[in-house]
Amino acid sequence: MLKSKKKQAVIAKHRLHKTDTGSSAVQAAVLDARIKSLSSHLKKHRQDEHSRRGLLKMVATRRTHVKYLERRKTAVQSQ
């Protein structure tokens, strides 16, 4: 679980405009921070299968956002 200040720092670093909190870039960055946090938890608690399942879901969601950003980037470049 990310602390509020850490999450706000990640959002501030990756936002596209002043009020942006939900763009794909921001969501992927927040998921990345949560994944790093949960990975360190799972190194300590290897048998925590419930958290491992949540980690896998977060990785899949992040992958979806990154693929979308790559598609959008190539579409903009081809125009």
PDB file of N, CA and C in Angstrom:
ATOM      1  N   MET A   1       0.842  -1.173   0.000  1.00  0.00           N
ATOM      2  CA  MET A   1       0.000   0.000   0.000  1.00  0.00           C
ATOM      3  C   MET A   1       0.890   1.238   0.000  1.00  0.00           C
ATOM      4  N   LEU A   2       0.622   2.130  -0.924  1.00  0.00           N
ATOM      5  CA  LEU A   2       1.396   3.361  -0.998  1.00  0.00           C
ATOM      6  C   LEU A   2       0.868   4.387  -0.007  1.00  0.00           C
ATOM      7  N   LYS A   3       1.770   5.092   0.609  1.00  0.00           N
ATOM      8  CA  LYS A   3       1.360   6.191   1.468  1.00  0.00           C
ATOM      9  C   LYS A   3       0.929   7.351   0.580  1.00  0.00           C
ATOM     10  N   SER A   4       0.090   8.191   1.119  1.00  0.00           N
ATOM     11  CA  SER A   4      -0.496   9.283   0.353  1.00  0.00           C
ATOM     12  C   SER A   4       0.563  10.223  -0.225  1.00  0.00           C
ATOM     13  N   LYS A   5       1.568  10.564   0.554  1.00  0.00           N
ATOM     14  CA  LYS A   5       2.608  11.487   0.074  1.00  0.00           C
ATOM     15  C   LYS A   5       3.406  10.872  -1.068  1.00  0.00           C
ATOM     16  N   LYS A   6       3.707   9.585  -0.964  1.00  0.00           N
ATOM     17  CA  LYS A   6       4.455   8.893  -2.017  1.00  0.00           C
ATOM     18  C   LYS A   6       3.635   8.851  -3.305  1.00  0.00           C
ATOM     19  N   LYS A   7       2.341   8.544  -3.166  1.00  0.00           N
ATOM     20  CA  LYS A   7       1.464   8.480  -4.333  1.00  0.00           C
ATOM     21  C   LYS A   7       1.345   9.850  -4.988  1.00  0.00           C
ATOM     22  N   GLN A   8       1.189  10.901  -4.187  1.00  0.00           N
ATOM     23  CA  GLN A   8       1.087  12.253  -4.725  1.00  0.00           C
ATOM     24  C   GLN A   8       2.373  12.664  -5.443  1.00  0.00           C
ATOM     25  N   ALA A   9       3.508  12.223  -4.936  1.00  0.00           N
ATOM     26  CA  ALA A   9       4.789  12.531  -5.586  1.00  0.00           C
ATOM     27  C   ALA A   9       4.882  11.834  -6.941  1.00  0.00           C
ATOM     28  N   VAL A  10       4.438  10.587  -7.010  1.00  0.00           N
ATOM     29  CA  VAL A  10       4.459   9.845  -8.275  1.00  0.00           C
ATOM     30  C   VAL A  10       3.517  10.506  -9.282  1.00  0.00           C
ATOM     31  N   ILE A  11       2.332  10.890  -8.821  1.00  0.00           N
ATOM     32  CA  ILE A  11       1.366  11.547  -9.704  1.00  0.00           C
ATOM     33  C   ILE A  11       1.927  12.869 -10.209  1.00  0.00           C
ATOM     34  N   ALA A  12       2.531  13.652  -9.332  1.00  0.00           N
ATOM     35  CA  ALA A  12       3.080  14.948  -9.727  1.00  0.00           C
ATOM     36  C   ALA A  12       4.195  14.799 -10.763  1.00  0.00           C
ATOM     37  N   LYS A  13       4.944  13.736 -10.663  1.00  0.00           N
ATOM     38  CA  LYS A  13       6.058  13.519 -11.587  1.00  0.00           C
ATOM     39  C   LYS A  13       5.584  13.115 -12.982  1.00  0.00           C
ATOM     40  N   HIS A  14       4.465  12.394 -13.079  1.00  0.00           N
ATOM     41  CA  HIS A  14       4.050  11.812 -14.352  1.00  0.00           C
ATOM     42  C   HIS A  14       2.795  12.431 -14.964  1.00  0.00           C
ATOM     43  N   ARG A  15       2.201  13.423 -14.315  1.00  0.00           N
ATOM     44  CA  ARG A  15       0.956  13.980 -14.846  1.00  0.00           C
ATOM     45  C   ARG A  15       1.211  14.808 -16.095  1.00  0.00           C
ATOM     46  N   LEU A  16       0.172  14.894 -16.921  1.00  0.00           N
ATOM     47  CA  LEU A  16       0.273  15.618 -18.183  1.00  0.00           C
ATOM     48  C   LEU A  16      -0.120  17.082 -18.035  1.00  0.00           C
ATOM     49  N   HIS A  17      -0.988  17.388 -17.077  1.00  0.00           N
ATOM     50  CA  HIS A  17      -1.384  18.760 -16.780  1.00  0.00           C
ATOM     51  C   HIS A  17      -1.680  18.865 -15.293  1.00  0.00           C
ATOM     52  N   LYS A  18      -2.036  20.032 -14.845  1.00  0.00           N
ATOM     53  CA  LYS A  18      -2.137  20.317 -13.411  1.00  0.00           C
ATOM     54  C   LYS A  18      -3.125  19.423 -12.668  1.00  0.00           C
ATOM     55  N   THR A  19      -4.258  19.104 -13.271  1.00  0.00           N
ATOM     56  CA  THR A  19      -5.287  18.329 -12.579  1.00  0.00           C
ATOM     57  C   THR A  19      -5.327  16.871 -13.019  1.00  0.00           C
ATOM     58  N   ASP A  20      -4.320  16.407 -13.705  1.00  0.00           N
ATOM     59  CA  ASP A  20      -4.288  15.034 -14.224  1.00  0.00           C
ATOM     60  C   ASP A  20      -3.975  14.039 -13.111  1.00  0.00           C
ATOM     61  N   THR A  21      -4.929  13.156 -12.838  1.00  0.00           N
ATOM     62  CA  THR A  21      -4.685  12.090 -11.867  1.00  0.00           C
ATOM     63  C   THR A  21      -5.059  10.727 -12.423  1.00  0.00           C
ATOM     64  N   GLY A  22      -5.617  10.677 -13.623  1.00  0.00           N
ATOM     65  CA  GLY A  22      -6.113   9.396 -14.116  1.00  0.00           C
ATOM     66  C   GLY A  22      -5.677   9.011 -15.506  1.00  0.00           C
ATOM     67  N   SER A  23      -4.742   9.717 -16.102  1.00  0.00           N
ATOM     68  CA  SER A  23      -4.293   9.331 -17.440  1.00  0.00           C
ATOM     69  C   SER A  23      -3.536   8.006 -17.369  1.00  0.00           C
ATOM     70  N   SER A  24      -3.377   7.384 -18.501  1.00  0.00           N
ATOM     71  CA  SER A  24      -2.704   6.088 -18.531  1.00  0.00           C
ATOM     72  C   SER A  24      -1.265   6.178 -18.033  1.00  0.00           C
ATOM     73  N   ALA A  25      -0.602   7.271 -18.325  1.00  0.00           N
ATOM     74  CA  ALA A  25       0.776   7.435 -17.868  1.00  0.00           C
ATOM     75  C   ALA A  25       0.839   7.492 -16.342  1.00  0.00           C
ATOM     76  N   VAL A  26      -0.089   8.215 -15.745  1.00  0.00           N
ATOM     77  CA  VAL A  26      -0.125   8.330 -14.282  1.00  0.00           C
ATOM     78  C   VAL A  26      -0.498   6.987 -13.663  1.00  0.00           C
ATOM     79  N   GLN A  27      -1.509   6.323 -14.217  1.00  0.00           N
ATOM     80  CA  GLN A  27      -1.934   5.045 -13.674  1.00  0.00           C
ATOM     81  C   GLN A  27      -0.819   4.005 -13.755  1.00  0.00           C
ATOM     82  N   ALA A  28      -0.099   3.990 -14.874  1.00  0.00           N
ATOM     83  CA  ALA A  28       1.008   3.041 -15.008  1.00  0.00           C
ATOM     84  C   ALA A  28       2.109   3.341 -13.995  1.00  0.00           C
ATOM     85  N   ALA A  29       2.380   4.612 -13.752  1.00  0.00           N
ATOM     86  CA  ALA A  29       3.418   4.990 -12.783  1.00  0.00           C
ATOM     87  C   ALA A  29       3.016   4.628 -11.360  1.00  0.00           C
ATOM     88  N   VAL A  30       1.751   4.848 -11.010  1.00  0.00           N
ATOM     89  CA  VAL A  30       1.277   4.488  -9.667  1.00  0.00           C
ATOM     90  C   VAL A  30       1.316   2.970  -9.495  1.00  0.00           C
ATOM     91  N   LEU A  31       0.893   2.244 -10.513  1.00  0.00           N
ATOM     92  CA  LEU A  31       0.952   0.782 -10.445  1.00  0.00           C
ATOM     93  C   LEU A  31       2.392   0.306 -10.305  1.00  0.00           C
ATOM     94  N   ASP A  32       3.304   0.960 -11.002  1.00  0.00           N
ATOM     95  CA  ASP A  32       4.709   0.585 -10.913  1.00  0.00           C
ATOM     96  C   ASP A  32       5.227   0.742  -9.484  1.00  0.00           C
ATOM     97  N   ALA A  33       4.858   1.836  -8.840  1.00  0.00           N
ATOM     98  CA  ALA A  33       5.284   2.057  -7.456  1.00  0.00           C
ATOM     99  C   ALA A  33       4.665   1.020  -6.523  1.00  0.00           C
ATOM    100  N   ARG A  34       3.388   0.693  -6.734  1.00  0.00           N
ATOM    101  CA  ARG A  34       2.732  -0.320  -5.900  1.00  0.00           C
ATOM    102  C   ARG A  34       3.361  -1.700  -6.114  1.00  0.00           C
ATOM    103  N   ILE A  35       3.720  -2.006  -7.361  1.00  0.00           N
ATOM    104  CA  ILE A  35       4.333  -3.294  -7.673  1.00  0.00           C
ATOM    105  C   ILE A  35       5.692  -3.415  -6.983  1.00  0.00           C
ATOM    106  N   LYS A  36       6.479  -2.344  -7.025  1.00  0.00           N
ATOM    107  CA  LYS A  36       7.781  -2.375  -6.351  1.00  0.00           C
ATOM    108  C   LYS A  36       7.619  -2.593  -4.855  1.00  0.00           C
ATOM    109  N   SER A  37       6.630  -1.931  -4.266  1.00  0.00           N
ATOM    110  CA  SER A  37       6.376  -2.072  -2.835  1.00  0.00           C
ATOM    111  C   SER A  37       5.955  -3.494  -2.488  1.00  0.00           C
ATOM    112  N   LEU A  38       5.046  -4.034  -3.274  1.00  0.00           N
ATOM    113  CA  LEU A  38       4.550  -5.383  -3.008  1.00  0.00           C
ATOM    114  C   LEU A  38       5.618  -6.440  -3.278  1.00  0.00           C
ATOM    115  N   SER A  39       6.491  -6.193  -4.239  1.00  0.00           N
ATOM    116  CA  SER A  39       7.572  -7.138  -4.522  1.00  0.00           C
ATOM    117  C   SER A  39       8.514  -7.276  -3.334  1.00  0.00           C
ATOM    118  N   SER A  40       8.813  -6.141  -2.700  1.00  0.00           N
ATOM    119  CA  SER A  40       9.685  -6.222  -1.527  1.00  0.00           C
ATOM    120  C   SER A  40       8.985  -6.949  -0.377  1.00  0.00           C
ATOM    121  N   HIS A  41       7.672  -6.775  -0.253  1.00  0.00           N
ATOM    122  CA  HIS A  41       6.911  -7.509   0.766  1.00  0.00           C
ATOM    123  C   HIS A  41       6.976  -9.010   0.500  1.00  0.00           C
ATOM    124  N   LEU A  42       6.840  -9.385  -0.767  1.00  0.00           N
ATOM    125  CA  LEU A  42       6.827 -10.813  -1.099  1.00  0.00           C
ATOM    126  C   LEU A  42       8.198 -11.459  -0.978  1.00  0.00           C
ATOM    127  N   LYS A  43       9.262 -10.681  -1.047  1.00  0.00           N
ATOM    128  CA  LYS A  43      10.590 -11.249  -0.810  1.00  0.00           C
ATOM    129  C   LYS A  43      10.736 -11.676   0.641  1.00  0.00           C
ATOM    130  N   LYS A  44      10.097 -10.925   1.523  1.00  0.00           N
ATOM    131  CA  LYS A  44      10.152 -11.236   2.946  1.00  0.00           C
ATOM    132  C   LYS A  44       9.146 -12.331   3.324  1.00  0.00           C
ATOM    133  N   HIS A  45       7.954 -12.298   2.719  1.00  0.00           N
ATOM    134  CA  HIS A  45       6.874 -13.229   3.037  1.00  0.00           C
ATOM    135  C   HIS A  45       6.579 -14.075   1.798  1.00  0.00           C
ATOM    136  N   ARG A  46       7.396 -15.072   1.571  1.00  0.00           N
ATOM    137  CA  ARG A  46       7.328 -15.857   0.335  1.00  0.00           C
ATOM    138  C   ARG A  46       6.034 -16.654   0.164  1.00  0.00           C
ATOM    139  N   GLN A  47       5.372 -17.002   1.224  1.00  0.00           N
ATOM    140  CA  GLN A  47       4.186 -17.856   1.114  1.00  0.00           C
ATOM    141  C   GLN A  47       2.879 -17.067   1.092  1.00  0.00           C
ATOM    142  N   ASP A  48       2.933 -15.779   0.921  1.00  0.00           N
ATOM    143  CA  ASP A  48       1.740 -14.942   0.895  1.00  0.00           C
ATOM    144  C   ASP A  48       1.107 -15.008  -0.505  1.00  0.00           C
ATOM    145  N   GLU A  49       0.307 -16.041  -0.725  1.00  0.00           N
ATOM    146  CA  GLU A  49      -0.270 -16.279  -2.053  1.00  0.00           C
ATOM    147  C   GLU A  49      -1.343 -15.256  -2.409  1.00  0.00           C
ATOM    148  N   HIS A  50      -2.068 -14.734  -1.439  1.00  0.00           N
ATOM    149  CA  HIS A  50      -3.108 -13.757  -1.729  1.00  0.00           C
ATOM    150  C   HIS A  50      -2.494 -12.463  -2.276  1.00  0.00           C
ATOM    151  N   SER A  51      -1.415 -12.027  -1.676  1.00  0.00           N
ATOM    152  CA  SER A  51      -0.745 -10.816  -2.165  1.00  0.00           C
ATOM    153  C   SER A  51      -0.086 -11.077  -3.511  1.00  0.00           C
ATOM    154  N   ARG A  52       0.404 -12.290  -3.724  1.00  0.00           N
ATOM    155  CA  ARG A  52       1.024 -12.639  -5.004  1.00  0.00           C
ATOM    156  C   ARG A  52       0.005 -12.545  -6.135  1.00  0.00           C
ATOM    157  N   ARG A  53      -1.220 -12.976  -5.859  1.00  0.00           N
ATOM    158  CA  ARG A  53      -2.277 -12.898  -6.870  1.00  0.00           C
ATOM    159  C   ARG A  53      -2.577 -11.437  -7.194  1.00  0.00           C
ATOM    160  N   GLY A  54      -2.647 -10.600  -6.174  1.00  0.00           N
ATOM    161  CA  GLY A  54      -2.860  -9.175  -6.404  1.00  0.00           C
ATOM    162  C   GLY A  54      -1.729  -8.554  -7.207  1.00  0.00           C
ATOM    163  N   LEU A  55      -0.505  -8.988  -6.930  1.00  0.00           N
ATOM    164  CA  LEU A  55       0.650  -8.502  -7.676  1.00  0.00           C
ATOM    165  C   LEU A  55       0.523  -8.854  -9.153  1.00  0.00           C
ATOM    166  N   LEU A  56       0.128 -10.073  -9.446  1.00  0.00           N
ATOM    167  CA  LEU A  56      -0.017 -10.499 -10.842  1.00  0.00           C
ATOM    168  C   LEU A  56      -1.103  -9.702 -11.553  1.00  0.00           C
ATOM    169  N   LYS A  57      -2.185  -9.382 -10.858  1.00  0.00           N
ATOM    170  CA  LYS A  57      -3.240  -8.566 -11.451  1.00  0.00           C
ATOM    171  C   LYS A  57      -2.739  -7.158 -11.737  1.00  0.00           C
ATOM    172  N   MET A  58      -1.947  -6.604 -10.810  1.00  0.00           N
ATOM    173  CA  MET A  58      -1.400  -5.265 -11.019  1.00  0.00           C
ATOM    174  C   MET A  58      -0.436  -5.245 -12.201  1.00  0.00           C
ATOM    175  N   VAL A  59       0.377  -6.288 -12.330  1.00  0.00           N
ATOM    176  CA  VAL A  59       1.329  -6.366 -13.442  1.00  0.00           C
ATOM    177  C   VAL A  59       0.574  -6.412 -14.770  1.00  0.00           C
ATOM    178  N   ALA A  60      -0.510  -7.182 -14.822  1.00  0.00           N
ATOM    179  CA  ALA A  60      -1.300  -7.277 -16.053  1.00  0.00           C
ATOM    180  C   ALA A  60      -1.954  -5.943 -16.389  1.00  0.00           C
ATOM    181  N   THR A  61      -2.450  -5.247 -15.385  1.00  0.00           N
ATOM    182  CA  THR A  61      -3.075  -3.945 -15.610  1.00  0.00           C
ATOM    183  C   THR A  61      -2.046  -2.923 -16.077  1.00  0.00           C
ATOM    184  N   ARG A  62      -0.867  -2.935 -15.460  1.00  0.00           N
ATOM    185  CA  ARG A  62       0.198  -2.015 -15.884  1.00  0.00           C
ATOM    186  C   ARG A  62       0.599  -2.300 -17.324  1.00  0.00           C
ATOM    187  N   ARG A  63       0.701  -3.576 -17.671  1.00  0.00           N
ATOM    188  CA  ARG A  63       1.064  -3.954 -19.038  1.00  0.00           C
ATOM    189  C   ARG A  63       0.039  -3.413 -20.032  1.00  0.00           C
ATOM    190  N   THR A  64      -1.243  -3.455 -19.675  1.00  0.00           N
ATOM    191  CA  THR A  64      -2.295  -2.933 -20.541  1.00  0.00           C
ATOM    192  C   THR A  64      -2.131  -1.433 -20.750  1.00  0.00           C
ATOM    193  N   HIS A  65      -1.847  -0.693 -19.687  1.00  0.00           N
ATOM    194  CA  HIS A  65      -1.658   0.748 -19.807  1.00  0.00           C
ATOM    195  C   HIS A  65      -0.421   1.073 -20.645  1.00  0.00           C
ATOM    196  N   VAL A  66       0.647   0.334 -20.460  1.00  0.00           N
ATOM    197  CA  VAL A  66       1.880   0.590 -21.220  1.00  0.00           C
ATOM    198  C   VAL A  66       1.662   0.289 -22.705  1.00  0.00           C
ATOM    199  N   LYS A  67       0.953  -0.792 -23.012  1.00  0.00           N
ATOM    200  CA  LYS A  67       0.662  -1.105 -24.419  1.00  0.00           C
ATOM    201  C   LYS A  67      -0.163   0.008 -25.064  1.00  0.00           C
ATOM    202  N   TYR A  68      -1.139   0.519 -24.313  1.00  0.00           N
ATOM    203  CA  TYR A  68      -1.955   1.619 -24.828  1.00  0.00           C
ATOM    204  C   TYR A  68      -1.087   2.835 -25.121  1.00  0.00           C
ATOM    205  N   LEU A  69      -0.195   3.164 -24.202  1.00  0.00           N
ATOM    206  CA  LEU A  69       0.678   4.325 -24.402  1.00  0.00           C
ATOM    207  C   LEU A  69       1.584   4.132 -25.607  1.00  0.00           C
ATOM    208  N   GLU A  70       2.079   2.910 -25.809  1.00  0.00           N
ATOM    209  CA  GLU A  70       2.936   2.639 -26.970  1.00  0.00           C
ATOM    210  C   GLU A  70       2.146   2.773 -28.269  1.00  0.00           C
ATOM    211  N   ARG A  71       0.907   2.252 -28.282  1.00  0.00           N
ATOM    212  CA  ARG A  71       0.070   2.371 -29.478  1.00  0.00           C
ATOM    213  C   ARG A  71      -0.210   3.834 -29.785  1.00  0.00           C
ATOM    214  N   ARG A  72      -0.527   4.607 -28.765  1.00  0.00           N
ATOM    215  CA  ARG A  72      -0.826   6.022 -28.956  1.00  0.00           C
ATOM    216  C   ARG A  72       0.397   6.781 -29.445  1.00  0.00           C
ATOM    217  N   LYS A  73       1.564   6.421 -28.917  1.00  0.00           N
ATOM    218  CA  LYS A  73       2.811   7.074 -29.314  1.00  0.00           C
ATOM    219  C   LYS A  73       3.121   6.801 -30.783  1.00  0.00           C
ATOM    220  N   THR A  74       2.966   5.560 -31.228  1.00  0.00           N
ATOM    221  CA  THR A  74       3.240   5.226 -32.629  1.00  0.00           C
ATOM    222  C   THR A  74       2.204   5.836 -33.554  1.00  0.00           C
ATOM    223  N   ALA A  75       0.953   5.966 -33.091  1.00  0.00           N
ATOM    224  CA  ALA A  75      -0.084   6.586 -33.926  1.00  0.00           C
ATOM    225  C   ALA A  75       0.220   8.068 -34.114  1.00  0.00           C
ATOM    226  N   VAL A  76       0.698   8.727 -33.101  1.00  0.00           N
ATOM    227  CA  VAL A  76       1.032  10.152 -33.201  1.00  0.00           C
ATOM    228  C   VAL A  76       2.244  10.346 -34.098  1.00  0.00           C
ATOM    229  N   GLN A  77       3.230   9.455 -33.998  1.00  0.00           N
ATOM    230  CA  GLN A  77       4.433   9.575 -34.813  1.00  0.00           C
ATOM    231  C   GLN A  77       4.154   9.331 -36.278  1.00  0.00           C
ATOM    232  N   SER A  78       3.197   8.455 -36.601  1.00  0.00           N
ATOM    233  CA  SER A  78       2.931   8.113 -38.001  1.00  0.00           C
ATOM    234  C   SER A  78       2.135   9.213 -38.714  1.00  0.00           C
ATOM    235  N   GLN A  79       1.540  10.129 -37.973  1.00  0.00           N
ATOM    236  CA  GLN A  79       0.753  11.188 -38.606  1.00  0.00           C
ATOM    237  C   GLN A  79       1.607  12.296 -39.112  1.00  0.00           C
TER     238      GLN A  79
END
